[in-house]
PDB file of N, CA and C in Angstrom:
ATOM      1  N   MET A   1      49.667 104.733  77.296  1.00  0.00           N
ATOM      2  CA  MET A   1      48.438 104.104  76.867  1.00  0.00           C
ATOM      3  C   MET A   1      47.692 105.059  75.941  1.00  0.00           C
ATOM      4  N   LYS A   2      47.307 104.553  74.789  1.00  0.00           N
ATOM      5  CA  LYS A   2      46.546 105.346  73.827  1.00  0.00           C
ATOM      6  C   LYS A   2      45.066 104.995  73.970  1.00  0.00           C
ATOM      7  N   TYR A   3      44.263 106.024  74.151  1.00  0.00           N
ATOM      8  CA  TYR A   3      42.829 105.775  74.287  1.00  0.00           C
ATOM      9  C   TYR A   3      42.213 105.292  72.987  1.00  0.00           C
ATOM     10  N   SER A   4      42.830 105.638  71.863  1.00  0.00           N
ATOM     11  CA  SER A   4      42.318 105.133  70.586  1.00  0.00           C
ATOM     12  C   SER A   4      42.438 103.612  70.523  1.00  0.00           C
ATOM     13  N   SER A   5      43.486 103.055  71.120  1.00  0.00           N
ATOM     14  CA  SER A   5      43.615 101.593  71.132  1.00  0.00           C
ATOM     15  C   SER A   5      42.580 100.964  72.062  1.00  0.00           C
ATOM     16  N   ILE A   6      42.213 101.663  73.123  1.00  0.00           N
ATOM     17  CA  ILE A   6      41.144 101.169  74.015  1.00  0.00           C
ATOM     18  C   ILE A   6      39.830 101.130  73.236  1.00  0.00           C
ATOM     19  N   LEU A   7      39.538 102.196  72.506  1.00  0.00           N
ATOM     20  CA  LEU A   7      38.295 102.263  71.732  1.00  0.00           C
ATOM     21  C   LEU A   7      38.200 101.162  70.677  1.00  0.00           C
ATOM     22  N   GLN A   8      39.326 100.698  70.191  1.00  0.00           N
ATOM     23  CA  GLN A   8      39.339  99.651  69.179  1.00  0.00           C
ATOM     24  C   GLN A   8      39.408  98.251  69.772  1.00  0.00           C
ATOM     25  N   ASN A   9      39.567  98.151  71.085  1.00  0.00           N
ATOM     26  CA  ASN A   9      39.713  96.864  71.744  1.00  0.00           C
ATOM     27  C   ASN A   9      38.403  96.077  71.703  1.00  0.00           C
ATOM     28  N   LEU A  10      38.478  94.822  71.296  1.00  0.00           N
ATOM     29  CA  LEU A  10      37.291  93.979  71.176  1.00  0.00           C
ATOM     30  C   LEU A  10      36.560  93.809  72.509  1.00  0.00           C
ATOM     31  N   HIS A  11      37.294  93.641  73.596  1.00  0.00           N
ATOM     32  CA  HIS A  11      36.663  93.472  74.908  1.00  0.00           C
ATOM     33  C   HIS A  11      35.922  94.743  75.320  1.00  0.00           C
ATOM     34  N   PHE A  12      36.558  95.874  75.088  1.00  0.00           N
ATOM     35  CA  PHE A  12      35.930  97.172  75.360  1.00  0.00           C
ATOM     36  C   PHE A  12      34.615  97.290  74.592  1.00  0.00           C
ATOM     37  N   ARG A  13      34.661  96.974  73.326  1.00  0.00           N
ATOM     38  CA  ARG A  13      33.470  97.091  72.474  1.00  0.00           C
ATOM     39  C   ARG A  13      32.376  96.103  72.873  1.00  0.00           C
ATOM     40  N   ASN A  14      32.769  94.896  73.247  1.00  0.00           N
ATOM     41  CA  ASN A  14      31.776  93.901  73.670  1.00  0.00           C
ATOM     42  C   ASN A  14      31.050  94.343  74.930  1.00  0.00           C
ATOM     43  N   LEU A  15      31.806  94.842  75.900  1.00  0.00           N
ATOM     44  CA  LEU A  15      31.184  95.294  77.136  1.00  0.00           C
ATOM     45  C   LEU A  15      30.287  96.506  76.904  1.00  0.00           C
ATOM     46  N   ALA A  16      30.740  97.420  76.086  1.00  0.00           N
ATOM     47  CA  ALA A  16      29.930  98.600  75.763  1.00  0.00           C
ATOM     48  C   ALA A  16      28.640  98.203  75.056  1.00  0.00           C
ATOM     49  N   ALA A  17      28.706  97.203  74.197  1.00  0.00           N
ATOM     50  CA  ALA A  17      27.523  96.760  73.449  1.00  0.00           C
ATOM     51  C   ALA A  17      26.446  96.205  74.375  1.00  0.00           C
ATOM     52  N   VAL A  18      26.859  95.544  75.450  1.00  0.00           N
ATOM     53  CA  VAL A  18      25.890  95.002  76.404  1.00  0.00           C
ATOM     54  C   VAL A  18      25.080  96.136  77.022  1.00  0.00           C
ATOM     55  N   ILE A  19      25.729  97.240  77.319  1.00  0.00           N
ATOM     56  CA  ILE A  19      25.059  98.373  77.958  1.00  0.00           C
ATOM     57  C   ILE A  19      24.351  99.254  76.932  1.00  0.00           C
ATOM     58  N   ARG A  20      24.891  99.340  75.732  1.00  0.00           N
ATOM     59  CA  ARG A  20      24.344 100.250  74.722  1.00  0.00           C
ATOM     60  C   ARG A  20      22.894  99.947  74.373  1.00  0.00           C
ATOM     61  N   LYS A  21      22.570  98.670  74.218  1.00  0.00           N
ATOM     62  CA  LYS A  21      21.213  98.318  73.792  1.00  0.00           C
ATOM     63  C   LYS A  21      20.163  98.856  74.759  1.00  0.00           C
ATOM     64  N   PRO A  22      20.233  98.539  76.052  1.00  0.00           N
ATOM     65  CA  PRO A  22      19.223  99.091  76.953  1.00  0.00           C
ATOM     66  C   PRO A  22      19.337 100.604  77.128  1.00  0.00           C
ATOM     67  N   HIS A  23      20.535 101.135  76.982  1.00  0.00           N
ATOM     68  CA  HIS A  23      20.707 102.577  77.150  1.00  0.00           C
ATOM     69  C   HIS A  23      20.026 103.353  76.032  1.00  0.00           C
ATOM     70  N   THR A  24      20.077 102.831  74.829  1.00  0.00           N
ATOM     71  CA  THR A  24      19.563 103.574  73.679  1.00  0.00           C
ATOM     72  C   THR A  24      18.187 103.113  73.200  1.00  0.00           C
ATOM     73  N   SER A  25      17.641 102.061  73.805  1.00  0.00           N
ATOM     74  CA  SER A  25      16.378 101.518  73.310  1.00  0.00           C
ATOM     75  C   SER A  25      15.291 101.490  74.385  1.00  0.00           C
ATOM     76  N   SER A  26      14.330 102.384  74.239  1.00  0.00           N
ATOM     77  CA  SER A  26      13.191 102.364  75.162  1.00  0.00           C
ATOM     78  C   SER A  26      12.365 101.088  74.945  1.00  0.00           C
ATOM     79  N   GLU A  27      12.392 100.561  73.728  1.00  0.00           N
ATOM     80  CA  GLU A  27      11.712  99.302  73.441  1.00  0.00           C
ATOM     81  C   GLU A  27      12.332  98.170  74.275  1.00  0.00           C
ATOM     82  N   TRP A  28      13.656  98.129  74.336  1.00  0.00           N
ATOM     83  CA  TRP A  28      14.328  97.103  75.139  1.00  0.00           C
ATOM     84  C   TRP A  28      13.949  97.259  76.609  1.00  0.00           C
ATOM     85  N   ARG A  29      14.001  98.485  77.110  1.00  0.00           N
ATOM     86  CA  ARG A  29      13.681  98.729  78.526  1.00  0.00           C
ATOM     87  C   ARG A  29      12.248  98.357  78.845  1.00  0.00           C
ATOM     88  N   GLY A  30      11.335  98.546  77.888  1.00  0.00           N
ATOM     89  CA  GLY A  30       9.947  98.132  78.091  1.00  0.00           C
ATOM     90  C   GLY A  30       9.798  96.622  78.104  1.00  0.00           C
ATOM     91  N   LYS A  31      10.481  95.966  77.193  1.00  0.00           N
ATOM     92  CA  LYS A  31      10.397  94.505  77.103  1.00  0.00           C
ATOM     93  C   LYS A  31      11.003  93.834  78.333  1.00  0.00           C
ATOM     94  N   TYR A  32      12.069  94.410  78.865  1.00  0.00           N
ATOM     95  CA  TYR A  32      12.761  93.837  80.026  1.00  0.00           C
ATOM     96  C   TYR A  32      12.606  94.769  81.237  1.00  0.00           C
ATOM     97  N   SER A  33      11.380  95.159  81.482  1.00  0.00           N
ATOM     98  CA  SER A  33      11.120  96.130  82.555  1.00  0.00           C
ATOM     99  C   SER A  33      11.473  95.602  83.944  1.00  0.00           C
ATOM    100  N   GLN A  34      11.664  94.291  84.075  1.00  0.00           N
ATOM    101  CA  GLN A  34      12.063  93.732  85.370  1.00  0.00           C
ATOM    102  C   GLN A  34      13.503  94.110  85.727  1.00  0.00           C
ATOM    103  N   VAL A  35      14.260  94.580  84.743  1.00  0.00           N
ATOM    104  CA  VAL A  35      15.637  95.012  84.993  1.00  0.00           C
ATOM    105  C   VAL A  35      15.607  96.521  85.271  1.00  0.00           C
ATOM    106  N   PRO A  36      15.972  96.928  86.475  1.00  0.00           N
ATOM    107  CA  PRO A  36      15.968  98.371  86.791  1.00  0.00           C
ATOM    108  C   PRO A  36      17.204  99.060  86.200  1.00  0.00           C
ATOM    109  N   PHE A  37      17.212  99.159  84.875  1.00  0.00           N
ATOM    110  CA  PHE A  37      18.408  99.618  84.170  1.00  0.00           C
ATOM    111  C   PHE A  37      18.924 100.965  84.671  1.00  0.00           C
ATOM    112  N   TRP A  38      18.048 101.970  84.717  1.00  0.00           N
ATOM    113  CA  TRP A  38      18.517 103.304  85.091  1.00  0.00           C
ATOM    114  C   TRP A  38      19.037 103.329  86.529  1.00  0.00           C
ATOM    115  N   LYS A  39      18.413 102.578  87.411  1.00  0.00           N
ATOM    116  CA  LYS A  39      18.871 102.516  88.801  1.00  0.00           C
ATOM    117  C   LYS A  39      20.257 101.860  88.881  1.00  0.00           C
ATOM    118  N   LEU A  40      20.433 100.764  88.158  1.00  0.00           N
ATOM    119  CA  LEU A  40      21.729 100.085  88.139  1.00  0.00           C
ATOM    120  C   LEU A  40      22.815 100.982  87.541  1.00  0.00           C
ATOM    121  N   LEU A  41      22.483 101.649  86.446  1.00  0.00           N
ATOM    122  CA  LEU A  41      23.457 102.535  85.798  1.00  0.00           C
ATOM    123  C   LEU A  41      23.814 103.702  86.710  1.00  0.00           C
ATOM    124  N   LYS A  42      22.820 104.239  87.393  1.00  0.00           N
ATOM    125  CA  LYS A  42      23.077 105.339  88.340  1.00  0.00           C
ATOM    126  C   LYS A  42      24.033 104.878  89.439  1.00  0.00           C
ATOM    127  N   GLY A  43      23.866 103.649  89.923  1.00  0.00           N
ATOM    128  CA  GLY A  43      24.773 103.106  90.924  1.00  0.00           C
ATOM    129  C   GLY A  43      26.202 103.017  90.413  1.00  0.00           C
ATOM    130  N   VAL A  44      26.348 102.618  89.152  1.00  0.00           N
ATOM    131  CA  VAL A  44      27.681 102.553  88.525  1.00  0.00           C
ATOM    132  C   VAL A  44      28.261 103.962  88.433  1.00  0.00           C
ATOM    133  N   GLU A  45      27.466 104.894  87.940  1.00  0.00           N
ATOM    134  CA  GLU A  45      27.927 106.283  87.796  1.00  0.00           C
ATOM    135  C   GLU A  45      28.299 106.883  89.148  1.00  0.00           C
ATOM    136  N   ASN A  46      27.501 106.617  90.178  1.00  0.00           N
ATOM    137  CA  ASN A  46      27.791 107.155  91.512  1.00  0.00           C
ATOM    138  C   ASN A  46      29.105 106.614  92.062  1.00  0.00           C
ATOM    139  N   ALA A  47      29.433 105.379  91.719  1.00  0.00           N
ATOM    140  CA  ALA A  47      30.681 104.771  92.195  1.00  0.00           C
ATOM    141  C   ALA A  47      31.887 105.205  91.363  1.00  0.00           C
ATOM    142  N   LYS A  48      31.641 105.972  90.306  1.00  0.00           N
ATOM    143  CA  LYS A  48      32.716 106.413  89.411  1.00  0.00           C
ATOM    144  C   LYS A  48      33.196 107.822  89.746  1.00  0.00           C
ATOM    145  N   THR A  49      32.674 108.417  90.794  1.00  0.00           N
ATOM    146  CA  THR A  49      33.169 109.742  91.157  1.00  0.00           C
ATOM    147  C   THR A  49      34.640 109.625  91.556  1.00  0.00           C
ATOM    148  N   PRO A  50      35.434 110.639  91.277  1.00  0.00           N
ATOM    149  CA  PRO A  50      36.861 110.552  91.593  1.00  0.00           C
ATOM    150  C   PRO A  50      37.143 110.222  93.062  1.00  0.00           C
ATOM    151  N   GLN A  51      36.347 110.769  93.976  1.00  0.00           N
ATOM    152  CA  GLN A  51      36.581 110.521  95.398  1.00  0.00           C
ATOM    153  C   GLN A  51      36.343 109.050  95.744  1.00  0.00           C
ATOM    154  N   ILE A  52      35.218 108.502  95.321  1.00  0.00           N
ATOM    155  CA  ILE A  52      34.909 107.102  95.624  1.00  0.00           C
ATOM    156  C   ILE A  52      35.848 106.183  94.863  1.00  0.00           C
ATOM    157  N   PHE A  53      36.076 106.498  93.596  1.00  0.00           N
ATOM    158  CA  PHE A  53      36.928 105.654  92.764  1.00  0.00           C
ATOM    159  C   PHE A  53      38.341 105.554  93.348  1.00  0.00           C
ATOM    160  N   ALA A  54      38.846 106.653  93.878  1.00  0.00           N
ATOM    161  CA  ALA A  54      40.206 106.667  94.417  1.00  0.00           C
ATOM    162  C   ALA A  54      40.331 105.818  95.675  1.00  0.00           C
ATOM    163  N   THR A  55      39.292 105.763  96.476  1.00  0.00           N
ATOM    164  CA  THR A  55      39.382 105.045  97.748  1.00  0.00           C
ATOM    165  C   THR A  55      38.753 103.662  97.711  1.00  0.00           C
ATOM    166  N   ASN A  56      37.831 103.448  96.780  1.00  0.00           N
ATOM    167  CA  ASN A  56      37.116 102.167  96.756  1.00  0.00           C
ATOM    168  C   ASN A  56      36.760 101.774  95.328  1.00  0.00           C
ATOM    169  N   ARG A  57      37.769 101.526  94.527  1.00  0.00           N
ATOM    170  CA  ARG A  57      37.573 101.154  93.123  1.00  0.00           C
ATOM    171  C   ARG A  57      36.756  99.876  92.998  1.00  0.00           C
ATOM    172  N   ALA A  58      36.855  99.003  93.996  1.00  0.00           N
ATOM    173  CA  ALA A  58      36.107  97.744  93.979  1.00  0.00           C
ATOM    174  C   ALA A  58      34.606  97.988  93.957  1.00  0.00           C
ATOM    175  N   GLU A  59      34.161  99.089  94.524  1.00  0.00           N
ATOM    176  CA  GLU A  59      32.732  99.444  94.506  1.00  0.00           C
ATOM    177  C   GLU A  59      32.269  99.639  93.062  1.00  0.00           C
ATOM    178  N   PHE A  60      33.056 100.372  92.283  1.00  0.00           N
ATOM    179  CA  PHE A  60      32.723 100.588  90.879  1.00  0.00           C
ATOM    180  C   PHE A  60      32.723  99.262  90.117  1.00  0.00           C
ATOM    181  N   VAL A  61      33.776  98.479  90.293  1.00  0.00           N
ATOM    182  CA  VAL A  61      33.891  97.199  89.587  1.00  0.00           C
ATOM    183  C   VAL A  61      32.702  96.299  89.936  1.00  0.00           C
ATOM    184  N   GLY A  62      32.354  96.225  91.194  1.00  0.00           N
ATOM    185  CA  GLY A  62      31.230  95.389  91.613  1.00  0.00           C
ATOM    186  C   GLY A  62      29.913  95.847  91.013  1.00  0.00           C
ATOM    187  N   ARG A  63      29.669  97.129  91.036  1.00  0.00           N
ATOM    188  CA  ARG A  63      28.413  97.647  90.469  1.00  0.00           C
ATOM    189  C   ARG A  63      28.361  97.468  88.952  1.00  0.00           C
ATOM    190  N   PHE A  64      29.496  97.665  88.301  1.00  0.00           N
ATOM    191  CA  PHE A  64      29.552  97.478  86.854  1.00  0.00           C
ATOM    192  C   PHE A  64      29.277  96.010  86.506  1.00  0.00           C
ATOM    193  N   CYS A  65      29.905  95.103  87.236  1.00  0.00           N
ATOM    194  CA  CYS A  65      29.702  93.667  86.989  1.00  0.00           C
ATOM    195  C   CYS A  65      28.262  93.257  87.281  1.00  0.00           C
ATOM    196  N   GLU A  66      27.661  93.839  88.306  1.00  0.00           N
ATOM    197  CA  GLU A  66      26.254  93.558  88.607  1.00  0.00           C
ATOM    198  C   GLU A  66      25.358  94.015  87.455  1.00  0.00           C
ATOM    199  N   LEU A  67      25.618  95.201  86.924  1.00  0.00           N
ATOM    200  CA  LEU A  67      24.861  95.705  85.778  1.00  0.00           C
ATOM    201  C   LEU A  67      24.979  94.748  84.599  1.00  0.00           C
ATOM    202  N   LEU A  68      26.187  94.349  84.268  1.00  0.00           N
ATOM    203  CA  LEU A  68      26.393  93.424  83.150  1.00  0.00           C
ATOM    204  C   LEU A  68      25.643  92.113  83.370  1.00  0.00           C
ATOM    205  N   ALA A  69      25.773  91.558  84.562  1.00  0.00           N
ATOM    206  CA  ALA A  69      25.152  90.265  84.862  1.00  0.00           C
ATOM    207  C   ALA A  69      23.635  90.337  84.759  1.00  0.00           C
ATOM    208  N   LYS A  70      23.047  91.396  85.263  1.00  0.00           N
ATOM    209  CA  LYS A  70      21.579  91.511  85.212  1.00  0.00           C
ATOM    210  C   LYS A  70      21.084  91.705  83.787  1.00  0.00           C
ATOM    211  N   LEU A  71      21.817  92.457  82.995  1.00  0.00           N
ATOM    212  CA  LEU A  71      21.425  92.655  81.598  1.00  0.00           C
ATOM    213  C   LEU A  71      21.545  91.348  80.821  1.00  0.00           C
ATOM    214  N   ALA A  72      22.659  90.656  80.997  1.00  0.00           N
ATOM    215  CA  ALA A  72      22.903  89.410  80.257  1.00  0.00           C
ATOM    216  C   ALA A  72      21.954  88.300  80.683  1.00  0.00           C
ATOM    217  N   SER A  73      21.569  88.268  81.958  1.00  0.00           N
ATOM    218  CA  SER A  73      20.642  87.216  82.390  1.00  0.00           C
ATOM    219  C   SER A  73      19.219  87.494  81.910  1.00  0.00           C
ATOM    220  N   ALA A  74      18.885  88.753  81.710  1.00  0.00           N
ATOM    221  CA  ALA A  74      17.547  89.096  81.215  1.00  0.00           C
ATOM    222  C   ALA A  74      17.422  88.868  79.705  1.00  0.00           C
ATOM    223  N   ASP A  75      18.460  89.202  78.972  1.00  0.00           N
ATOM    224  CA  ASP A  75      18.423  89.139  77.513  1.00  0.00           C
ATOM    225  C   ASP A  75      19.623  88.335  77.015  1.00  0.00           C
ATOM    226  N   LEU A  76      19.354  87.159  76.507  1.00  0.00           N
ATOM    227  CA  LEU A  76      20.430  86.278  76.061  1.00  0.00           C
ATOM    228  C   LEU A  76      21.234  86.835  74.882  1.00  0.00           C
ATOM    229  N   HIS A  77      20.719  87.873  74.230  1.00  0.00           N
ATOM    230  CA  HIS A  77      21.456  88.510  73.139  1.00  0.00           C
ATOM    231  C   HIS A  77      22.546  89.447  73.655  1.00  0.00           C
ATOM    232  N   LEU A  78      22.465  89.819  74.922  1.00  0.00           N
ATOM    233  CA  LEU A  78      23.445  90.732  75.510  1.00  0.00           C
ATOM    234  C   LEU A  78      24.453  89.921  76.313  1.00  0.00           C
ATOM    235  N   GLN A  79      25.403  89.367  75.623  1.00  0.00           N
ATOM    236  CA  GLN A  79      26.372  88.486  76.268  1.00  0.00           C
ATOM    237  C   GLN A  79      27.779  89.063  76.193  1.00  0.00           C
ATOM    238  N   TYR A  80      28.576  88.683  77.157  1.00  0.00           N
ATOM    239  CA  TYR A  80      29.988  89.029  77.203  1.00  0.00           C
ATOM    240  C   TYR A  80      30.735  87.780  77.632  1.00  0.00           C
ATOM    241  N   THR A  81      32.023  87.765  77.420  1.00  0.00           N
ATOM    242  CA  THR A  81      32.812  86.573  77.732  1.00  0.00           C
ATOM    243  C   THR A  81      33.601  86.773  79.024  1.00  0.00           C
ATOM    244  N   THR A  82      34.117  85.672  79.539  1.00  0.00           N
ATOM    245  CA  THR A  82      34.985  85.770  80.713  1.00  0.00           C
ATOM    246  C   THR A  82      36.250  86.542  80.359  1.00  0.00           C
ATOM    247  N   GLU A  83      36.672  86.459  79.109  1.00  0.00           N
ATOM    248  CA  GLU A  83      37.838  87.217  78.664  1.00  0.00           C
ATOM    249  C   GLU A  83      37.543  88.718  78.666  1.00  0.00           C
ATOM    250  N   ASP A  84      36.315  89.097  78.270  1.00  0.00           N
ATOM    251  CA  ASP A  84      35.916  90.508  78.322  1.00  0.00           C
ATOM    252  C   ASP A  84      35.989  91.016  79.760  1.00  0.00           C
ATOM    253  N   LEU A  85      35.446  90.220  80.658  1.00  0.00           N
ATOM    254  CA  LEU A  85      35.432  90.601  82.063  1.00  0.00           C
ATOM    255  C   LEU A  85      36.850  90.646  82.650  1.00  0.00           C
ATOM    256  N   ALA A  86      37.694  89.692  82.279  1.00  0.00           N
ATOM    257  CA  ALA A  86      39.086  89.683  82.746  1.00  0.00           C
ATOM    258  C   ALA A  86      39.816  90.938  82.259  1.00  0.00           C
ATOM    259  N   TRP A  87      39.576  91.313  81.019  1.00  0.00           N
ATOM    260  CA  TRP A  87      40.185  92.519  80.474  1.00  0.00           C
ATOM    261  C   TRP A  87      39.742  93.737  81.278  1.00  0.00           C
ATOM    262  N   PHE A  88      38.428  93.833  81.539  1.00  0.00           N
ATOM    263  CA  PHE A  88      37.881  94.956  82.299  1.00  0.00           C
ATOM    264  C   PHE A  88      38.531  95.046  83.682  1.00  0.00           C
ATOM    265  N   ILE A  89      38.607  93.931  84.374  1.00  0.00           N
ATOM    266  CA  ILE A  89      39.187  93.925  85.717  1.00  0.00           C
ATOM    267  C   ILE A  89      40.660  94.324  85.669  1.00  0.00           C
ATOM    268  N   GLU A  90      41.367  93.850  84.659  1.00  0.00           N
ATOM    269  CA  GLU A  90      42.774  94.245  84.486  1.00  0.00           C
ATOM    270  C   GLU A  90      42.885  95.750  84.249  1.00  0.00           C
ATOM    271  N   MET A  91      42.020  96.300  83.418  1.00  0.00           N
ATOM    272  CA  MET A  91      42.054  97.732  83.137  1.00  0.00           C
ATOM    273  C   MET A  91      41.705  98.558  84.373  1.00  0.00           C
ATOM    274  N   MET A  92      40.842  98.032  85.227  1.00  0.00           N
ATOM    275  CA  MET A  92      40.454  98.756  86.438  1.00  0.00           C
ATOM    276  C   MET A  92      41.529  98.676  87.512  1.00  0.00           C
ATOM    277  N   ASP A  93      42.582  97.926  87.232  1.00  0.00           N
ATOM    278  CA  ASP A  93      43.681  97.790  88.177  1.00  0.00           C
ATOM    279  C   ASP A  93      44.933  98.517  87.686  1.00  0.00           C
ATOM    280  N   ASN A  94      44.750  99.524  86.848  1.00  0.00           N
ATOM    281  CA  ASN A  94      45.924 100.280  86.400  1.00  0.00           C
ATOM    282  C   ASN A  94      45.711 101.770  86.622  1.00  0.00           C
ATOM    283  N   GLU A  95      46.734 102.544  86.407  1.00  0.00           N
ATOM    284  CA  GLU A  95      46.694 103.978  86.716  1.00  0.00           C
ATOM    285  C   GLU A  95      45.707 104.769  85.850  1.00  0.00           C
ATOM    286  N   HIS A  96      45.275 104.217  84.751  1.00  0.00           N
ATOM    287  CA  HIS A  96      44.342 104.904  83.852  1.00  0.00           C
ATOM    288  C   HIS A  96      42.906 104.409  84.031  1.00  0.00           C
ATOM    289  N   ALA A  97      42.627 103.761  85.131  1.00  0.00           N
ATOM    290  CA  ALA A  97      41.326 103.117  85.326  1.00  0.00           C
ATOM    291  C   ALA A  97      40.153 104.099  85.242  1.00  0.00           C
ATOM    292  N   LEU A  98      40.235 105.226  85.900  1.00  0.00           N
ATOM    293  CA  LEU A  98      39.110 106.168  85.891  1.00  0.00           C
ATOM    294  C   LEU A  98      38.818 106.703  84.491  1.00  0.00           C
ATOM    295  N   PRO A  99      39.818 107.145  83.729  1.00  0.00           N
ATOM    296  CA  PRO A  99      39.503 107.575  82.361  1.00  0.00           C
ATOM    297  C   PRO A  99      38.959 106.439  81.490  1.00  0.00           C
ATOM    298  N   ILE A 100      39.462 105.226  81.690  1.00  0.00           N
ATOM    299  CA  ILE A 100      38.956 104.089  80.911  1.00  0.00           C
ATOM    300  C   ILE A 100      37.515 103.793  81.283  1.00  0.00           C
ATOM    301  N   ALA A 101      37.199 103.831  82.573  1.00  0.00           N
ATOM    302  CA  ALA A 101      35.816 103.613  83.023  1.00  0.00           C
ATOM    303  C   ALA A 101      34.897 104.678  82.439  1.00  0.00           C
ATOM    304  N   SER A 102      35.343 105.925  82.454  1.00  0.00           N
ATOM    305  CA  SER A 102      34.544 107.021  81.893  1.00  0.00           C
ATOM    306  C   SER A 102      34.341 106.848  80.400  1.00  0.00           C
ATOM    307  N   LEU A 103      35.389 106.463  79.715  1.00  0.00           N
ATOM    308  CA  LEU A 103      35.318 106.238  78.274  1.00  0.00           C
ATOM    309  C   LEU A 103      34.355 105.090  77.953  1.00  0.00           C
ATOM    310  N   LEU A 104      34.422 104.041  78.726  1.00  0.00           N
ATOM    311  CA  LEU A 104      33.547 102.888  78.512  1.00  0.00           C
ATOM    312  C   LEU A 104      32.081 103.271  78.670  1.00  0.00           C
ATOM    313  N   LEU A 105      31.762 104.006  79.719  1.00  0.00           N
ATOM    314  CA  LEU A 105      30.372 104.405  79.932  1.00  0.00           C
ATOM    315  C   LEU A 105      29.903 105.411  78.884  1.00  0.00           C
ATOM    316  N   ALA A 106      30.773 106.306  78.473  1.00  0.00           N
ATOM    317  CA  ALA A 106      30.403 107.260  77.426  1.00  0.00           C
ATOM    318  C   ALA A 106      30.179 106.547  76.101  1.00  0.00           C
ATOM    319  N   TYR A 107      31.065 105.636  75.765  1.00  0.00           N
ATOM    320  CA  TYR A 107      30.945 104.885  74.515  1.00  0.00           C
ATOM    321  C   TYR A 107      29.674 104.032  74.526  1.00  0.00           C
ATOM    322  N   ALA A 108      29.370 103.455  75.676  1.00  0.00           N
ATOM    323  CA  ALA A 108      28.175 102.597  75.789  1.00  0.00           C
ATOM    324  C   ALA A 108      26.885 103.399  75.642  1.00  0.00           C
ATOM    325  N   SER A 109      26.937 104.674  75.955  1.00  0.00           N
ATOM    326  CA  SER A 109      25.716 105.483  75.864  1.00  0.00           C
ATOM    327  C   SER A 109      25.517 106.097  74.482  1.00  0.00           C
ATOM    328  N   ALA A 110      26.513 105.995  73.633  1.00  0.00           N
ATOM    329  CA  ALA A 110      26.414 106.566  72.292  1.00  0.00           C
ATOM    330  C   ALA A 110      25.592 105.644  71.384  1.00  0.00           C
ATOM    331  N   PRO A 111      24.755 106.234  70.552  1.00  0.00           N
ATOM    332  CA  PRO A 111      24.004 105.401  69.617  1.00  0.00           C
ATOM    333  C   PRO A 111      24.948 104.690  68.645  1.00  0.00           C
ATOM    334  N   GLU A 112      24.577 103.496  68.282  1.00  0.00           N
ATOM    335  CA  GLU A 112      25.391 102.726  67.344  1.00  0.00           C
ATOM    336  C   GLU A 112      25.328 103.397  65.972  1.00  0.00           C
ATOM    337  N   THR A 113      26.469 103.467  65.330  1.00  0.00           N
ATOM    338  CA  THR A 113      26.520 104.077  63.993  1.00  0.00           C
ATOM    339  C   THR A 113      26.605 102.987  62.938  1.00  0.00           C
ATOM    340  N   GLN A 114      26.083 103.294  61.804  1.00  0.00           N
ATOM    341  CA  GLN A 114      26.170 102.371  60.658  1.00  0.00           C
ATOM    342  C   GLN A 114      27.450 102.675  59.909  1.00  0.00           C
ATOM    343  N   SER A 115      28.212 101.621  59.585  1.00  0.00           N
ATOM    344  CA  SER A 115      29.433 101.868  58.815  1.00  0.00           C
ATOM    345  C   SER A 115      29.322 101.286  57.435  1.00  0.00           C
TER     346      SER A 115
END
């Protein structure tokens, strides 16, 4: 598996975009203050530790999906598809799941670049 192909994957990018906006925009977090973004993200990060991830990967998947759902329900511009979610679940069920999860969260926290 090449991580460069993961970075170019449309589903990967769509999911990262949902998280990127609130992660990089204090304006967004102010407008949607009813969404406890940092608390939800911390829960995802806590479930991504190697020890927890190895024994209870479903905890990470559940927290990640909860984060996505709360963001998308608060802001209709932050949408993802069932195909994006299916891809994510498939990726979390393979031997490279932890590095992919780490890459996804790192990519989502990076500011968007202009091309």
